[in-house]
Amino acid sequence: MRLVIARCSVDYVGKLTAHLPMAPRLILIKADSSVSIHADDRAFKPLNWMNPPCKLREEDGLWTVTHGKTGEKLVLTMEEILHDSSHELGVDPGLVKDGVEAHLQELLAEHITTLGAGWTLVRREYMTAIGPVDILCRDHTGASVAVELKRRANIDAVEQLTRYLELMNRDPLLAPVSGILAAQAIVPQARTLAEDRGIRCVTLDYDELRGIERTDTLF
């Protein structure tokens, strides 16, 4: 990871054009070759970025980031570099789930027919190049299904599962792979986005999976 703080302007040249005027900015250059430009606000969202594969060419006062497939460019006019450092972060262990999410995964794997009659488990924590899918299973027809589990699923969960599905569907041994977003609660925006992308949403009852009979009903 390379961190550069510089006073610069940024021009994006491609299907659309965008201009960021001269100002102090944080430039992140990651090991995957991606480049993102940040201001001191907006939380994690960059002002502009270039996804891999891309290449950075540094010249005196001018940095050019070119996308390897589309040819689109980020052009940074560098007035002054205030900080420039590189750090080896190593392999990221990924997101560690809390106890309830981990137990949900275990319980759903044990009771995979909760998702449908005739369904079978392939494995938990099915590893992909971008991280582990919570559960890989097969439906009653034998088709592959990737399941992403959350306590409370939001739009980020949909995006995460979408990335897994895009990657897994490139594997001829798995494809076609459909997706299920399973959670104790799914926010409406996430449900709408998931269904728009053909991802099935399933609301899980934690107590029911644990075999605990509900006693809070009136009748």
C-alpha atoms as a PDB file:
ATOM      1  CA  MET A   1       0.000   0.000   0.000  1.00  0.00           C
ATOM      2  CA  ARG A   2       1.453   3.375  -1.037  1.00  0.00           C
ATOM      3  CA  LEU A   3       0.132   6.531   0.646  1.00  0.00           C
ATOM      4  CA  VAL A   4       0.730   9.868  -1.033  1.00  0.00           C
ATOM      5  CA  ILE A   5      -0.519  13.210   0.253  1.00  0.00           C
ATOM      6  CA  ALA A   6      -0.150  15.853  -2.416  1.00  0.00           C
ATOM      7  CA  ARG A   7      -1.513  19.152  -3.581  1.00  0.00           C
ATOM      8  CA  CYS A   8      -2.862  18.213  -6.969  1.00  0.00           C
ATOM      9  CA  SER A   9      -5.656  18.482  -9.499  1.00  0.00           C
ATOM     10  CA  VAL A  10      -7.264  15.411 -11.053  1.00  0.00           C
ATOM     11  CA  ASP A  11      -8.840  14.918 -14.477  1.00  0.00           C
ATOM     12  CA  TYR A  12     -10.717  11.776 -15.462  1.00  0.00           C
ATOM     13  CA  VAL A  13     -10.688  11.141 -19.210  1.00  0.00           C
ATOM     14  CA  GLY A  14     -12.931   8.403 -20.579  1.00  0.00           C
ATOM     15  CA  LYS A  15     -16.582   7.830 -21.445  1.00  0.00           C
ATOM     16  CA  LEU A  16     -17.261  10.728 -19.083  1.00  0.00           C
ATOM     17  CA  THR A  17     -14.960  13.528 -17.998  1.00  0.00           C
ATOM     18  CA  ALA A  18     -14.564  14.911 -14.485  1.00  0.00           C
ATOM     19  CA  HIS A  19     -12.283  17.525 -12.951  1.00  0.00           C
ATOM     20  CA  LEU A  20     -11.109  17.989  -9.376  1.00  0.00           C
ATOM     21  CA  PRO A  21      -9.472  21.412  -8.872  1.00  0.00           C
ATOM     22  CA  MET A  22      -6.109  21.899  -7.179  1.00  0.00           C
ATOM     23  CA  ALA A  23      -6.271  20.956  -3.474  1.00  0.00           C
ATOM     24  CA  PRO A  24      -4.531  18.737  -0.901  1.00  0.00           C
ATOM     25  CA  ARG A  25      -5.596  15.105  -1.409  1.00  0.00           C
ATOM     26  CA  LEU A  26      -4.769  11.582  -0.273  1.00  0.00           C
ATOM     27  CA  ILE A  27      -3.796   9.176  -3.046  1.00  0.00           C
ATOM     28  CA  LEU A  28      -3.970   5.423  -2.298  1.00  0.00           C
ATOM     29  CA  ILE A  29      -2.076   3.069  -4.597  1.00  0.00           C
ATOM     30  CA  LYS A  30      -2.804  -0.556  -3.709  1.00  0.00           C
ATOM     31  CA  ALA A  31      -0.970  -3.766  -4.506  1.00  0.00           C
ATOM     32  CA  ASP A  32      -3.703  -4.737  -6.993  1.00  0.00           C
ATOM     33  CA  SER A  33      -2.682  -1.572  -8.981  1.00  0.00           C
ATOM     34  CA  SER A  34      -5.893   0.308  -8.146  1.00  0.00           C
ATOM     35  CA  VAL A  35      -5.603   4.052  -7.503  1.00  0.00           C
ATOM     36  CA  SER A  36      -8.095   6.135  -5.517  1.00  0.00           C
ATOM     37  CA  ILE A  37      -8.208   9.832  -4.670  1.00  0.00           C
ATOM     38  CA  HIS A  38      -9.577  10.924  -1.296  1.00  0.00           C
ATOM     39  CA  ALA A  39     -10.461  14.162   0.509  1.00  0.00           C
ATOM     40  CA  ASP A  40     -10.586  14.631   4.282  1.00  0.00           C
ATOM     41  CA  ASP A  41     -14.311  13.836   4.442  1.00  0.00           C
ATOM     42  CA  ARG A  42     -16.918  11.491   2.863  1.00  0.00           C
ATOM     43  CA  ALA A  43     -15.823   8.592   5.083  1.00  0.00           C
ATOM     44  CA  PHE A  44     -14.318   5.831   2.892  1.00  0.00           C
ATOM     45  CA  LYS A  45     -15.726   6.921  -0.477  1.00  0.00           C
ATOM     46  CA  PRO A  46     -13.076   8.234  -2.898  1.00  0.00           C
ATOM     47  CA  LEU A  47     -13.531  11.355  -4.997  1.00  0.00           C
ATOM     48  CA  ASN A  48     -12.285   9.466  -8.032  1.00  0.00           C
ATOM     49  CA  TRP A  49     -10.597   6.150  -8.687  1.00  0.00           C
ATOM     50  CA  MET A  50      -9.314   3.655 -11.250  1.00  0.00           C
ATOM     51  CA  ASN A  51      -9.960  -0.052 -10.768  1.00  0.00           C
ATOM     52  CA  PRO A  52      -7.457  -2.712 -11.863  1.00  0.00           C
ATOM     53  CA  PRO A  53      -5.970  -3.588 -14.243  1.00  0.00           C
ATOM     54  CA  CYS A  54      -4.290  -0.217 -14.566  1.00  0.00           C
ATOM     55  CA  LYS A  55      -0.792   1.252 -14.789  1.00  0.00           C
ATOM     56  CA  LEU A  56       0.665   4.355 -13.153  1.00  0.00           C
ATOM     57  CA  ARG A  57       3.243   6.423 -15.033  1.00  0.00           C
ATOM     58  CA  GLU A  58       5.024   9.101 -12.999  1.00  0.00           C
ATOM     59  CA  GLU A  59       6.605  12.076 -14.729  1.00  0.00           C
ATOM     60  CA  ASP A  60       7.799  15.374 -13.320  1.00  0.00           C
ATOM     61  CA  GLY A  61       4.645  17.097 -12.079  1.00  0.00           C
ATOM     62  CA  LEU A  62       2.330  14.738 -13.952  1.00  0.00           C
ATOM     63  CA  TRP A  63       1.020  11.282 -12.975  1.00  0.00           C
ATOM     64  CA  THR A  64      -1.084   9.303 -15.448  1.00  0.00           C
ATOM     65  CA  VAL A  65      -3.104   6.218 -14.499  1.00  0.00           C
ATOM     66  CA  THR A  66      -4.288   4.246 -17.546  1.00  0.00           C
ATOM     67  CA  HIS A  67      -6.793   1.415 -17.452  1.00  0.00           C
ATOM     68  CA  GLY A  68      -5.423  -1.688 -19.167  1.00  0.00           C
ATOM     69  CA  LYS A  69      -8.653  -2.623 -20.953  1.00  0.00           C
ATOM     70  CA  THR A  70     -10.650   0.548 -21.572  1.00  0.00           C
ATOM     71  CA  GLY A  71      -7.797   3.046 -22.007  1.00  0.00           C
ATOM     72  CA  GLU A  72      -9.544   5.488 -19.681  1.00  0.00           C
ATOM     73  CA  LYS A  73      -7.191   7.723 -17.722  1.00  0.00           C
ATOM     74  CA  LEU A  74      -6.763   9.560 -14.447  1.00  0.00           C
ATOM     75  CA  VAL A  75      -4.398  12.489 -14.951  1.00  0.00           C
ATOM     76  CA  LEU A  76      -2.952  14.013 -11.762  1.00  0.00           C
ATOM     77  CA  THR A  77      -1.202  17.349 -12.005  1.00  0.00           C
ATOM     78  CA  MET A  78       1.106  17.388  -8.978  1.00  0.00           C
ATOM     79  CA  GLU A  79       1.937  20.793  -7.547  1.00  0.00           C
ATOM     80  CA  GLU A  80       3.555  19.558  -4.325  1.00  0.00           C
ATOM     81  CA  ILE A  81       4.051  16.150  -2.672  1.00  0.00           C
ATOM     82  CA  LEU A  82       3.706  16.454   1.098  1.00  0.00           C
ATOM     83  CA  HIS A  83       4.087  12.781   2.029  1.00  0.00           C
ATOM     84  CA  ASP A  84       5.009   9.575   0.200  1.00  0.00           C
ATOM     85  CA  SER A  85       5.346   6.221   1.972  1.00  0.00           C
ATOM     86  CA  SER A  86       4.838   2.527   1.218  1.00  0.00           C
ATOM     87  CA  HIS A  87       3.715  -0.161   3.634  1.00  0.00           C
ATOM     88  CA  GLU A  88       3.508  -3.963   3.291  1.00  0.00           C
ATOM     89  CA  LEU A  89       0.141  -5.051   4.694  1.00  0.00           C
ATOM     90  CA  GLY A  90       0.385  -8.732   3.805  1.00  0.00           C
ATOM     91  CA  VAL A  91      -2.562 -11.034   3.140  1.00  0.00           C
ATOM     92  CA  ASP A  92      -5.768  -9.793   4.707  1.00  0.00           C
ATOM     93  CA  PRO A  93      -7.472 -12.422   6.911  1.00  0.00           C
ATOM     94  CA  GLY A  94     -10.897 -11.147   5.882  1.00  0.00           C
ATOM     95  CA  LEU A  95     -13.853 -10.126   7.987  1.00  0.00           C
ATOM     96  CA  VAL A  96     -14.228 -12.124  11.191  1.00  0.00           C
ATOM     97  CA  LYS A  97     -17.882 -12.801  11.851  1.00  0.00           C
ATOM     98  CA  ASP A  98     -19.348 -12.334  15.302  1.00  0.00           C
ATOM     99  CA  GLY A  99     -20.634 -15.280  17.307  1.00  0.00           C
ATOM    100  CA  VAL A 100     -24.207 -15.106  16.062  1.00  0.00           C
ATOM    101  CA  GLU A 101     -23.239 -14.945  12.374  1.00  0.00           C
ATOM    102  CA  ALA A 102     -20.814 -17.826  12.799  1.00  0.00           C
ATOM    103  CA  HIS A 103     -23.497 -19.861  14.581  1.00  0.00           C
ATOM    104  CA  LEU A 104     -26.064 -18.997  11.898  1.00  0.00           C
ATOM    105  CA  GLN A 105     -23.672 -20.363   9.287  1.00  0.00           C
ATOM    106  CA  GLU A 106     -23.169 -23.560  11.262  1.00  0.00           C
ATOM    107  CA  LEU A 107     -26.899 -24.047  11.873  1.00  0.00           C
ATOM    108  CA  LEU A 108     -27.929 -23.347   8.273  1.00  0.00           C
ATOM    109  CA  ALA A 109     -25.273 -25.739   6.998  1.00  0.00           C
ATOM    110  CA  GLU A 110     -26.698 -28.434   9.294  1.00  0.00           C
ATOM    111  CA  HIS A 111     -30.248 -27.658   8.155  1.00  0.00           C
ATOM    112  CA  ILE A 112     -29.636 -26.712   4.522  1.00  0.00           C
ATOM    113  CA  THR A 113     -33.104 -27.959   3.542  1.00  0.00           C
ATOM    114  CA  THR A 114     -34.381 -24.793   5.233  1.00  0.00           C
ATOM    115  CA  LEU A 115     -33.633 -23.219   1.839  1.00  0.00           C
ATOM    116  CA  GLY A 116     -35.513 -25.898  -0.094  1.00  0.00           C
ATOM    117  CA  ALA A 117     -36.443 -29.578  -0.172  1.00  0.00           C
ATOM    118  CA  GLY A 118     -33.757 -31.769  -1.692  1.00  0.00           C
ATOM    119  CA  TRP A 119     -30.975 -29.196  -1.207  1.00  0.00           C
ATOM    120  CA  THR A 120     -27.495 -30.446  -0.263  1.00  0.00           C
ATOM    121  CA  LEU A 121     -24.443 -28.813   1.316  1.00  0.00           C
ATOM    122  CA  VAL A 122     -21.204 -28.657  -0.674  1.00  0.00           C
ATOM    123  CA  ARG A 123     -19.155 -26.878   1.992  1.00  0.00           C
ATOM    124  CA  ARG A 124     -18.974 -23.954   4.385  1.00  0.00           C
ATOM    125  CA  GLU A 125     -16.466 -21.138   3.797  1.00  0.00           C
ATOM    126  CA  TYR A 126     -15.980 -21.950   0.114  1.00  0.00           C
ATOM    127  CA  MET A 127     -12.821 -20.040  -0.802  1.00  0.00           C
ATOM    128  CA  THR A 128     -12.657 -17.760  -3.841  1.00  0.00           C
ATOM    129  CA  ALA A 129      -9.911 -15.448  -5.029  1.00  0.00           C
ATOM    130  CA  ILE A 130     -11.611 -12.521  -3.252  1.00  0.00           C
ATOM    131  CA  GLY A 131     -12.652 -14.236  -0.037  1.00  0.00           C
ATOM    132  CA  PRO A 132     -14.779 -17.069   1.349  1.00  0.00           C
ATOM    133  CA  VAL A 133     -18.417 -17.582   0.456  1.00  0.00           C
ATOM    134  CA  ASP A 134     -20.321 -18.490   3.629  1.00  0.00           C
ATOM    135  CA  ILE A 135     -22.044 -21.547   2.176  1.00  0.00           C
ATOM    136  CA  LEU A 136     -21.890 -23.291  -1.192  1.00  0.00           C
ATOM    137  CA  CYS A 137     -24.751 -25.721  -1.743  1.00  0.00           C
ATOM    138  CA  ARG A 138     -26.782 -27.329  -4.520  1.00  0.00           C
ATOM    139  CA  ASP A 139     -30.515 -27.078  -5.045  1.00  0.00           C
ATOM    140  CA  HIS A 140     -32.845 -29.962  -5.874  1.00  0.00           C
ATOM    141  CA  THR A 141     -31.770 -29.830  -9.535  1.00  0.00           C
ATOM    142  CA  GLY A 142     -28.061 -29.977  -8.665  1.00  0.00           C
ATOM    143  CA  ALA A 143     -27.402 -26.345  -9.582  1.00  0.00           C
ATOM    144  CA  SER A 144     -24.820 -24.400  -7.521  1.00  0.00           C
ATOM    145  CA  VAL A 145     -26.032 -21.787  -5.030  1.00  0.00           C
ATOM    146  CA  ALA A 146     -23.841 -19.344  -3.083  1.00  0.00           C
ATOM    147  CA  VAL A 147     -25.251 -18.160   0.256  1.00  0.00           C
ATOM    148  CA  GLU A 148     -24.142 -14.979   2.035  1.00  0.00           C
ATOM    149  CA  LEU A 149     -25.136 -14.842   5.722  1.00  0.00           C
ATOM    150  CA  LYS A 150     -25.637 -11.749   7.859  1.00  0.00           C
ATOM    151  CA  ARG A 151     -27.374 -10.829  11.091  1.00  0.00           C
ATOM    152  CA  ARG A 152     -28.677  -7.690   9.396  1.00  0.00           C
ATOM    153  CA  ALA A 153     -28.158  -7.476   5.639  1.00  0.00           C
ATOM    154  CA  ASN A 154     -27.715  -4.102   3.957  1.00  0.00           C
ATOM    155  CA  ILE A 155     -26.694  -2.982   0.459  1.00  0.00           C
ATOM    156  CA  ASP A 156     -23.033  -3.800   1.170  1.00  0.00           C
ATOM    157  CA  ALA A 157     -24.010  -7.453   1.655  1.00  0.00           C
ATOM    158  CA  VAL A 158     -25.698  -7.468  -1.755  1.00  0.00           C
ATOM    159  CA  GLU A 159     -22.609  -5.954  -3.376  1.00  0.00           C
ATOM    160  CA  GLN A 160     -20.384  -8.520  -1.650  1.00  0.00           C
ATOM    161  CA  LEU A 161     -22.487 -11.450  -2.869  1.00  0.00           C
ATOM    162  CA  THR A 162     -22.656  -9.939  -6.365  1.00  0.00           C
ATOM    163  CA  ARG A 163     -18.849  -9.912  -6.560  1.00  0.00           C
ATOM    164  CA  TYR A 164     -18.695 -13.563  -5.445  1.00  0.00           C
ATOM    165  CA  LEU A 165     -21.285 -14.568  -8.052  1.00  0.00           C
ATOM    166  CA  GLU A 166     -19.497 -12.746 -10.870  1.00  0.00           C
ATOM    167  CA  LEU A 167     -16.286 -14.613 -10.042  1.00  0.00           C
ATOM    168  CA  MET A 168     -17.840 -18.032  -9.426  1.00  0.00           C
ATOM    169  CA  ASN A 169     -19.823 -17.927 -12.666  1.00  0.00           C
ATOM    170  CA  ARG A 170     -16.531 -17.815 -14.571  1.00  0.00           C
ATOM    171  CA  ASP A 171     -15.766 -21.323 -13.284  1.00  0.00           C
ATOM    172  CA  PRO A 172     -17.229 -23.865 -15.733  1.00  0.00           C
ATOM    173  CA  LEU A 173     -17.305 -26.487 -12.972  1.00  0.00           C
ATOM    174  CA  LEU A 174     -19.664 -24.332 -10.885  1.00  0.00           C
ATOM    175  CA  ALA A 175     -21.611 -22.224 -13.374  1.00  0.00           C
ATOM    176  CA  PRO A 176     -24.381 -21.354 -13.409  1.00  0.00           C
ATOM    177  CA  VAL A 177     -24.284 -20.143  -9.794  1.00  0.00           C
ATOM    178  CA  SER A 178     -27.282 -18.356  -8.257  1.00  0.00           C
ATOM    179  CA  GLY A 179     -27.230 -16.416  -5.001  1.00  0.00           C
ATOM    180  CA  ILE A 180     -29.132 -16.260  -1.730  1.00  0.00           C
ATOM    181  CA  LEU A 181     -28.868 -13.447   0.806  1.00  0.00           C
ATOM    182  CA  ALA A 182     -29.852 -14.950   4.165  1.00  0.00           C
ATOM    183  CA  ALA A 183     -30.178 -12.882   7.341  1.00  0.00           C
ATOM    184  CA  GLN A 184     -32.203 -12.342  10.469  1.00  0.00           C
ATOM    185  CA  ALA A 185     -33.189  -8.955   9.040  1.00  0.00           C
ATOM    186  CA  ILE A 186     -32.827  -7.514   5.524  1.00  0.00           C
ATOM    187  CA  VAL A 187     -33.224  -3.773   5.029  1.00  0.00           C
ATOM    188  CA  PRO A 188     -35.750  -2.835   2.301  1.00  0.00           C
ATOM    189  CA  GLN A 189     -33.141  -1.199   0.044  1.00  0.00           C
ATOM    190  CA  ALA A 190     -30.984  -4.347   0.147  1.00  0.00           C
ATOM    191  CA  ARG A 191     -33.972  -6.559  -0.640  1.00  0.00           C
ATOM    192  CA  THR A 192     -34.924  -4.388  -3.617  1.00  0.00           C
ATOM    193  CA  LEU A 193     -31.379  -4.377  -5.010  1.00  0.00           C
ATOM    194  CA  ALA A 194     -30.931  -8.122  -4.452  1.00  0.00           C
ATOM    195  CA  GLU A 195     -34.184  -9.030  -6.169  1.00  0.00           C
ATOM    196  CA  ASP A 196     -33.325  -6.708  -9.061  1.00  0.00           C
ATOM    197  CA  ARG A 197     -30.108  -8.701  -9.525  1.00  0.00           C
ATOM    198  CA  GLY A 198     -31.845 -12.051  -9.333  1.00  0.00           C
ATOM    199  CA  ILE A 199     -30.637 -12.793  -5.800  1.00  0.00           C
ATOM    200  CA  ARG A 200     -33.140 -14.548  -3.547  1.00  0.00           C
ATOM    201  CA  CYS A 201     -33.649 -13.124  -0.047  1.00  0.00           C
ATOM    202  CA  VAL A 202     -34.329 -15.416   2.920  1.00  0.00           C
ATOM    203  CA  THR A 203     -35.138 -14.238   6.451  1.00  0.00           C
ATOM    204  CA  LEU A 204     -33.797 -16.679   9.050  1.00  0.00           C
ATOM    205  CA  ASP A 205     -35.351 -17.417  12.429  1.00  0.00           C
ATOM    206  CA  TYR A 206     -32.385 -18.015  14.745  1.00  0.00           C
ATOM    207  CA  ASP A 207     -34.424 -19.773  17.436  1.00  0.00           C
ATOM    208  CA  GLU A 208     -36.155 -22.004  14.898  1.00  0.00           C
ATOM    209  CA  LEU A 209     -32.795 -23.092  13.465  1.00  0.00           C
ATOM    210  CA  ARG A 210     -31.642 -23.887  16.998  1.00  0.00           C
ATOM    211  CA  GLY A 211     -34.755 -26.012  17.549  1.00  0.00           C
ATOM    212  CA  ILE A 212     -36.208 -23.698  20.210  1.00  0.00           C
ATOM    213  CA  GLU A 213     -40.008 -23.554  20.226  1.00  0.00           C
ATOM    214  CA  ARG A 214     -41.437 -20.034  20.256  1.00  0.00           C
ATOM    215  CA  THR A 215     -43.572 -19.299  23.331  1.00  0.00           C
ATOM    216  CA  ASP A 216     -44.315 -15.612  22.715  1.00  0.00           C
ATOM    217  CA  THR A 217     -47.458 -16.117  20.606  1.00  0.00           C
ATOM    218  CA  LEU A 218     -50.933 -15.281  21.887  1.00  0.00           C
ATOM    219  CA  PHE A 219     -52.597 -18.492  20.653  1.00  0.00           C
END
